[in-house]
Amino acid sequence: MTGTPDAPVQVAALQYCAAGTAAETLSFLLPMITRAAEDGATLVCLPEAASFLAANRTSLREEAEVEGNSPTLDQLCHHAAGHGIAILAGSLMMRRREDDVLVNRTVLIDTNGGICAHYDKIHMFDANAVSYTHLRAHETREDLVCRLVLEK
């Protein structure tokens, strides 16, 4: 965040209904982020499905952007850096580059526009025949993240 380490964080929690495509959503989302920054926010939080709401699985796969080549994420990073704010995207539907699998990814963008953390959400309704669960902890930079790991 900007300012001194002990300065309060001004949070803007944006609530909106994403459109059917990322381009449509960005047309009204980016001005909302700008306004939040102008109003003093240092952290802007976006909801789940921040970039688009797909009508079905086919359109979900078509609209999901490939990690490392995401115009939506590029725009969010650009706005974070341009306004000196952090942005937490509740989730962006992405396709992993290595295997083209769809992931529901939470992304934290720092004030310089860099991605400082991300997490691919695991949904219980997507799990197949889980016999037990356990927690696994791992470190992402300086933060400890607990991830629910499902095993058959």
C-alpha atoms as a PDB file:
ATOM      1  CA  MET A   1       0.000   0.000   0.000  1.00  0.00           C
ATOM      2  CA  THR A   2       1.011   3.589  -0.249  1.00  0.00           C
ATOM      3  CA  GLY A   3       1.988   5.764   2.705  1.00  0.00           C
ATOM      4  CA  THR A   4       3.647   4.806   5.948  1.00  0.00           C
ATOM      5  CA  PRO A   5       3.572   1.205   7.186  1.00  0.00           C
ATOM      6  CA  ASP A   6       1.180   2.053  10.030  1.00  0.00           C
ATOM      7  CA  ALA A   7      -1.146   4.230   7.941  1.00  0.00           C
ATOM      8  CA  PRO A   8      -4.745   2.997   7.791  1.00  0.00           C
ATOM      9  CA  VAL A   9      -5.824   1.150   4.677  1.00  0.00           C
ATOM     10  CA  GLN A  10      -8.759   2.749   2.889  1.00  0.00           C
ATOM     11  CA  VAL A  11     -10.754  -0.082   1.320  1.00  0.00           C
ATOM     12  CA  ALA A  12     -13.276   0.202  -1.498  1.00  0.00           C
ATOM     13  CA  ALA A  13     -15.383  -2.934  -1.909  1.00  0.00           C
ATOM     14  CA  LEU A  14     -16.939  -2.712  -5.362  1.00  0.00           C
ATOM     15  CA  GLN A  15     -20.173  -4.578  -5.928  1.00  0.00           C
ATOM     16  CA  TYR A  16     -21.545  -4.953  -9.450  1.00  0.00           C
ATOM     17  CA  CYS A  17     -22.915  -7.540 -11.816  1.00  0.00           C
ATOM     18  CA  ALA A  18     -20.338  -8.482 -14.427  1.00  0.00           C
ATOM     19  CA  ALA A  19     -21.431  -8.530 -18.074  1.00  0.00           C
ATOM     20  CA  GLY A  20     -21.190 -11.508 -20.430  1.00  0.00           C
ATOM     21  CA  THR A  21     -17.703 -10.543 -21.634  1.00  0.00           C
ATOM     22  CA  ALA A  22     -14.635  -9.055 -20.008  1.00  0.00           C
ATOM     23  CA  ALA A  23     -14.584  -6.177 -22.517  1.00  0.00           C
ATOM     24  CA  GLU A  24     -18.137  -5.180 -21.569  1.00  0.00           C
ATOM     25  CA  THR A  25     -17.368  -5.420 -17.862  1.00  0.00           C
ATOM     26  CA  LEU A  26     -14.147  -3.410 -18.118  1.00  0.00           C
ATOM     27  CA  SER A  27     -16.063  -0.578 -19.800  1.00  0.00           C
ATOM     28  CA  PHE A  28     -17.817   0.189 -16.496  1.00  0.00           C
ATOM     29  CA  LEU A  29     -15.395  -1.409 -14.017  1.00  0.00           C
ATOM     30  CA  LEU A  30     -12.295   0.645 -14.829  1.00  0.00           C
ATOM     31  CA  PRO A  31     -14.112   3.973 -14.193  1.00  0.00           C
ATOM     32  CA  MET A  32     -15.347   2.526 -10.866  1.00  0.00           C
ATOM     33  CA  ILE A  33     -11.750   1.706  -9.884  1.00  0.00           C
ATOM     34  CA  THR A  34     -10.640   5.204 -10.880  1.00  0.00           C
ATOM     35  CA  ARG A  35     -13.391   6.775  -8.779  1.00  0.00           C
ATOM     36  CA  ALA A  36     -12.515   4.610  -5.779  1.00  0.00           C
ATOM     37  CA  ALA A  37      -8.868   5.698  -6.050  1.00  0.00           C
ATOM     38  CA  GLU A  38      -9.869   9.354  -6.402  1.00  0.00           C
ATOM     39  CA  ASP A  39     -12.033   8.969  -3.284  1.00  0.00           C
ATOM     40  CA  GLY A  40      -8.978   7.805  -1.321  1.00  0.00           C
ATOM     41  CA  ALA A  41      -9.041   4.013  -1.559  1.00  0.00           C
ATOM     42  CA  THR A  42      -5.659   2.334  -1.253  1.00  0.00           C
ATOM     43  CA  LEU A  43      -7.103  -1.159  -1.717  1.00  0.00           C
ATOM     44  CA  VAL A  44      -9.922  -1.879  -4.175  1.00  0.00           C
ATOM     45  CA  CYS A  45     -11.668  -5.237  -3.765  1.00  0.00           C
ATOM     46  CA  LEU A  46     -13.568  -6.764  -6.671  1.00  0.00           C
ATOM     47  CA  PRO A  47     -16.130  -9.566  -6.296  1.00  0.00           C
ATOM     48  CA  GLU A  48     -16.166 -13.164  -7.434  1.00  0.00           C
ATOM     49  CA  ALA A  49     -16.462 -13.412 -11.243  1.00  0.00           C
ATOM     50  CA  ALA A  50     -14.985  -9.924 -11.475  1.00  0.00           C
ATOM     51  CA  SER A  51     -14.507  -9.848 -15.236  1.00  0.00           C
ATOM     52  CA  PHE A  52     -17.485 -11.695 -16.756  1.00  0.00           C
ATOM     53  CA  LEU A  53     -20.432 -13.985 -16.053  1.00  0.00           C
ATOM     54  CA  ALA A  54     -20.727 -16.756 -18.602  1.00  0.00           C
ATOM     55  CA  ALA A  55     -24.127 -18.043 -19.674  1.00  0.00           C
ATOM     56  CA  ASN A  56     -22.861 -21.632 -19.956  1.00  0.00           C
ATOM     57  CA  ARG A  57     -19.707 -23.779 -19.860  1.00  0.00           C
ATOM     58  CA  THR A  58     -19.012 -23.245 -23.565  1.00  0.00           C
ATOM     59  CA  SER A  59     -18.984 -19.457 -23.257  1.00  0.00           C
ATOM     60  CA  LEU A  60     -17.012 -19.758 -20.012  1.00  0.00           C
ATOM     61  CA  ARG A  61     -14.235 -21.629 -21.808  1.00  0.00           C
ATOM     62  CA  GLU A  62     -14.332 -19.228 -24.768  1.00  0.00           C
ATOM     63  CA  GLU A  63     -14.174 -16.088 -22.618  1.00  0.00           C
ATOM     64  CA  ALA A  64     -11.602 -17.305 -20.055  1.00  0.00           C
ATOM     65  CA  GLU A  65      -8.223 -15.741 -20.788  1.00  0.00           C
ATOM     66  CA  VAL A  66      -4.973 -17.684 -20.813  1.00  0.00           C
ATOM     67  CA  GLU A  67      -2.693 -16.876 -17.885  1.00  0.00           C
ATOM     68  CA  GLY A  68       0.254 -14.784 -18.995  1.00  0.00           C
ATOM     69  CA  ASN A  69      -1.804 -13.386 -21.890  1.00  0.00           C
ATOM     70  CA  SER A  70      -4.765 -11.765 -20.145  1.00  0.00           C
ATOM     71  CA  PRO A  71      -5.885  -8.361 -21.419  1.00  0.00           C
ATOM     72  CA  THR A  72      -8.183  -8.061 -18.386  1.00  0.00           C
ATOM     73  CA  LEU A  73      -5.394  -8.689 -15.906  1.00  0.00           C
ATOM     74  CA  ASP A  74      -3.125  -6.328 -17.855  1.00  0.00           C
ATOM     75  CA  GLN A  75      -5.751  -3.564 -17.558  1.00  0.00           C
ATOM     76  CA  LEU A  76      -6.201  -4.155 -13.819  1.00  0.00           C
ATOM     77  CA  CYS A  77      -2.416  -4.083 -13.283  1.00  0.00           C
ATOM     78  CA  HIS A  78      -2.150  -0.889 -15.332  1.00  0.00           C
ATOM     79  CA  HIS A  79      -4.877   0.793 -13.261  1.00  0.00           C
ATOM     80  CA  ALA A  80      -3.306  -0.324  -9.975  1.00  0.00           C
ATOM     81  CA  ALA A  81       0.047   1.169 -10.963  1.00  0.00           C
ATOM     82  CA  GLY A  82      -1.496   4.298 -12.479  1.00  0.00           C
ATOM     83  CA  HIS A  83      -3.423   5.104  -9.309  1.00  0.00           C
ATOM     84  CA  GLY A  84      -0.879   3.720  -6.817  1.00  0.00           C
ATOM     85  CA  ILE A  85      -3.455   1.333  -5.345  1.00  0.00           C
ATOM     86  CA  ALA A  86      -3.661  -2.380  -4.687  1.00  0.00           C
ATOM     87  CA  ILE A  87      -6.446  -4.387  -6.322  1.00  0.00           C
ATOM     88  CA  LEU A  88      -7.833  -7.677  -5.059  1.00  0.00           C
ATOM     89  CA  ALA A  89      -9.787  -9.436  -7.801  1.00  0.00           C
ATOM     90  CA  GLY A  90     -12.189 -11.801  -6.015  1.00  0.00           C
ATOM     91  CA  SER A  91     -11.825 -14.147  -8.935  1.00  0.00           C
ATOM     92  CA  LEU A  92     -11.011 -14.174 -12.619  1.00  0.00           C
ATOM     93  CA  MET A  93     -11.775 -17.174 -14.768  1.00  0.00           C
ATOM     94  CA  MET A  94      -8.484 -18.122 -16.396  1.00  0.00           C
ATOM     95  CA  ARG A  95      -7.072 -20.996 -18.414  1.00  0.00           C
ATOM     96  CA  ARG A  96      -3.762 -22.341 -17.175  1.00  0.00           C
ATOM     97  CA  ARG A  97      -1.118 -22.130 -19.854  1.00  0.00           C
ATOM     98  CA  GLU A  98       0.449 -25.537 -19.233  1.00  0.00           C
ATOM     99  CA  ASP A  99      -2.715 -27.656 -19.490  1.00  0.00           C
ATOM    100  CA  ASP A 100      -5.578 -25.338 -20.574  1.00  0.00           C
ATOM    101  CA  VAL A 101      -7.552 -26.208 -17.415  1.00  0.00           C
ATOM    102  CA  LEU A 102     -10.059 -23.596 -16.249  1.00  0.00           C
ATOM    103  CA  VAL A 103      -9.264 -22.060 -12.866  1.00  0.00           C
ATOM    104  CA  ASN A 104     -11.198 -19.620 -10.711  1.00  0.00           C
ATOM    105  CA  ARG A 105      -8.272 -17.412  -9.634  1.00  0.00           C
ATOM    106  CA  THR A 106      -8.094 -14.796  -6.911  1.00  0.00           C
ATOM    107  CA  VAL A 107      -5.385 -12.246  -7.740  1.00  0.00           C
ATOM    108  CA  LEU A 108      -3.730  -9.577  -5.576  1.00  0.00           C
ATOM    109  CA  ILE A 109      -2.123  -6.747  -7.534  1.00  0.00           C
ATOM    110  CA  ASP A 110       0.282  -4.431  -5.732  1.00  0.00           C
ATOM    111  CA  THR A 111       0.604  -0.646  -6.018  1.00  0.00           C
ATOM    112  CA  ASN A 112       3.253  -1.013  -8.734  1.00  0.00           C
ATOM    113  CA  GLY A 113       0.929  -3.115 -10.884  1.00  0.00           C
ATOM    114  CA  GLY A 114       2.664  -6.408 -10.152  1.00  0.00           C
ATOM    115  CA  ILE A 115       0.901  -9.617  -9.207  1.00  0.00           C
ATOM    116  CA  CYS A 116       2.074 -10.279  -5.660  1.00  0.00           C
ATOM    117  CA  ALA A 117      -0.158 -13.285  -4.906  1.00  0.00           C
ATOM    118  CA  HIS A 118      -2.752 -15.525  -6.499  1.00  0.00           C
ATOM    119  CA  TYR A 119      -4.818 -18.479  -5.440  1.00  0.00           C
ATOM    120  CA  ASP A 120      -6.764 -20.963  -7.554  1.00  0.00           C
ATOM    121  CA  LYS A 121      -9.962 -21.661  -5.675  1.00  0.00           C
ATOM    122  CA  ILE A 122     -11.128 -25.186  -5.016  1.00  0.00           C
ATOM    123  CA  HIS A 123     -14.885 -25.663  -4.918  1.00  0.00           C
ATOM    124  CA  MET A 124     -16.396 -28.572  -3.066  1.00  0.00           C
ATOM    125  CA  PHE A 125     -19.109 -28.984  -5.708  1.00  0.00           C
ATOM    126  CA  ASP A 126     -16.398 -29.649  -8.304  1.00  0.00           C
ATOM    127  CA  ALA A 127     -14.663 -32.360  -6.258  1.00  0.00           C
ATOM    128  CA  ASN A 128     -15.021 -35.974  -7.372  1.00  0.00           C
ATOM    129  CA  ALA A 129     -15.442 -38.767  -4.809  1.00  0.00           C
ATOM    130  CA  VAL A 130     -13.411 -37.224  -2.023  1.00  0.00           C
ATOM    131  CA  SER A 131     -12.650 -39.714   0.730  1.00  0.00           C
ATOM    132  CA  TYR A 132     -10.833 -37.281   3.017  1.00  0.00           C
ATOM    133  CA  THR A 133      -9.466 -33.769   3.148  1.00  0.00           C
ATOM    134  CA  HIS A 134      -6.533 -32.197   4.863  1.00  0.00           C
ATOM    135  CA  LEU A 135      -4.870 -28.835   4.982  1.00  0.00           C
ATOM    136  CA  ARG A 136      -1.493 -28.181   3.485  1.00  0.00           C
ATOM    137  CA  ALA A 137       0.357 -24.986   4.239  1.00  0.00           C
ATOM    138  CA  HIS A 138       2.836 -23.442   1.872  1.00  0.00           C
ATOM    139  CA  GLU A 139       4.500 -20.084   1.602  1.00  0.00           C
ATOM    140  CA  THR A 140       3.791 -17.512  -1.068  1.00  0.00           C
ATOM    141  CA  ARG A 141       6.451 -14.835  -0.743  1.00  0.00           C
ATOM    142  CA  GLU A 142       6.259 -13.711   2.891  1.00  0.00           C
ATOM    143  CA  ASP A 143       2.741 -14.878   3.602  1.00  0.00           C
ATOM    144  CA  LEU A 144       1.631 -18.262   4.766  1.00  0.00           C
ATOM    145  CA  VAL A 145      -1.318 -19.580   2.820  1.00  0.00           C
ATOM    146  CA  CYS A 146      -3.397 -22.551   3.860  1.00  0.00           C
ATOM    147  CA  ARG A 147      -4.913 -24.490   1.000  1.00  0.00           C
ATOM    148  CA  LEU A 148      -7.525 -27.162   1.217  1.00  0.00           C
ATOM    149  CA  VAL A 149      -6.192 -30.150  -0.633  1.00  0.00           C
ATOM    150  CA  LEU A 150      -8.657 -32.772  -1.748  1.00  0.00           C
ATOM    151  CA  GLU A 151      -7.433 -36.280  -2.232  1.00  0.00           C
ATOM    152  CA  LYS A 152      -9.232 -39.364  -3.453  1.00  0.00           C
END
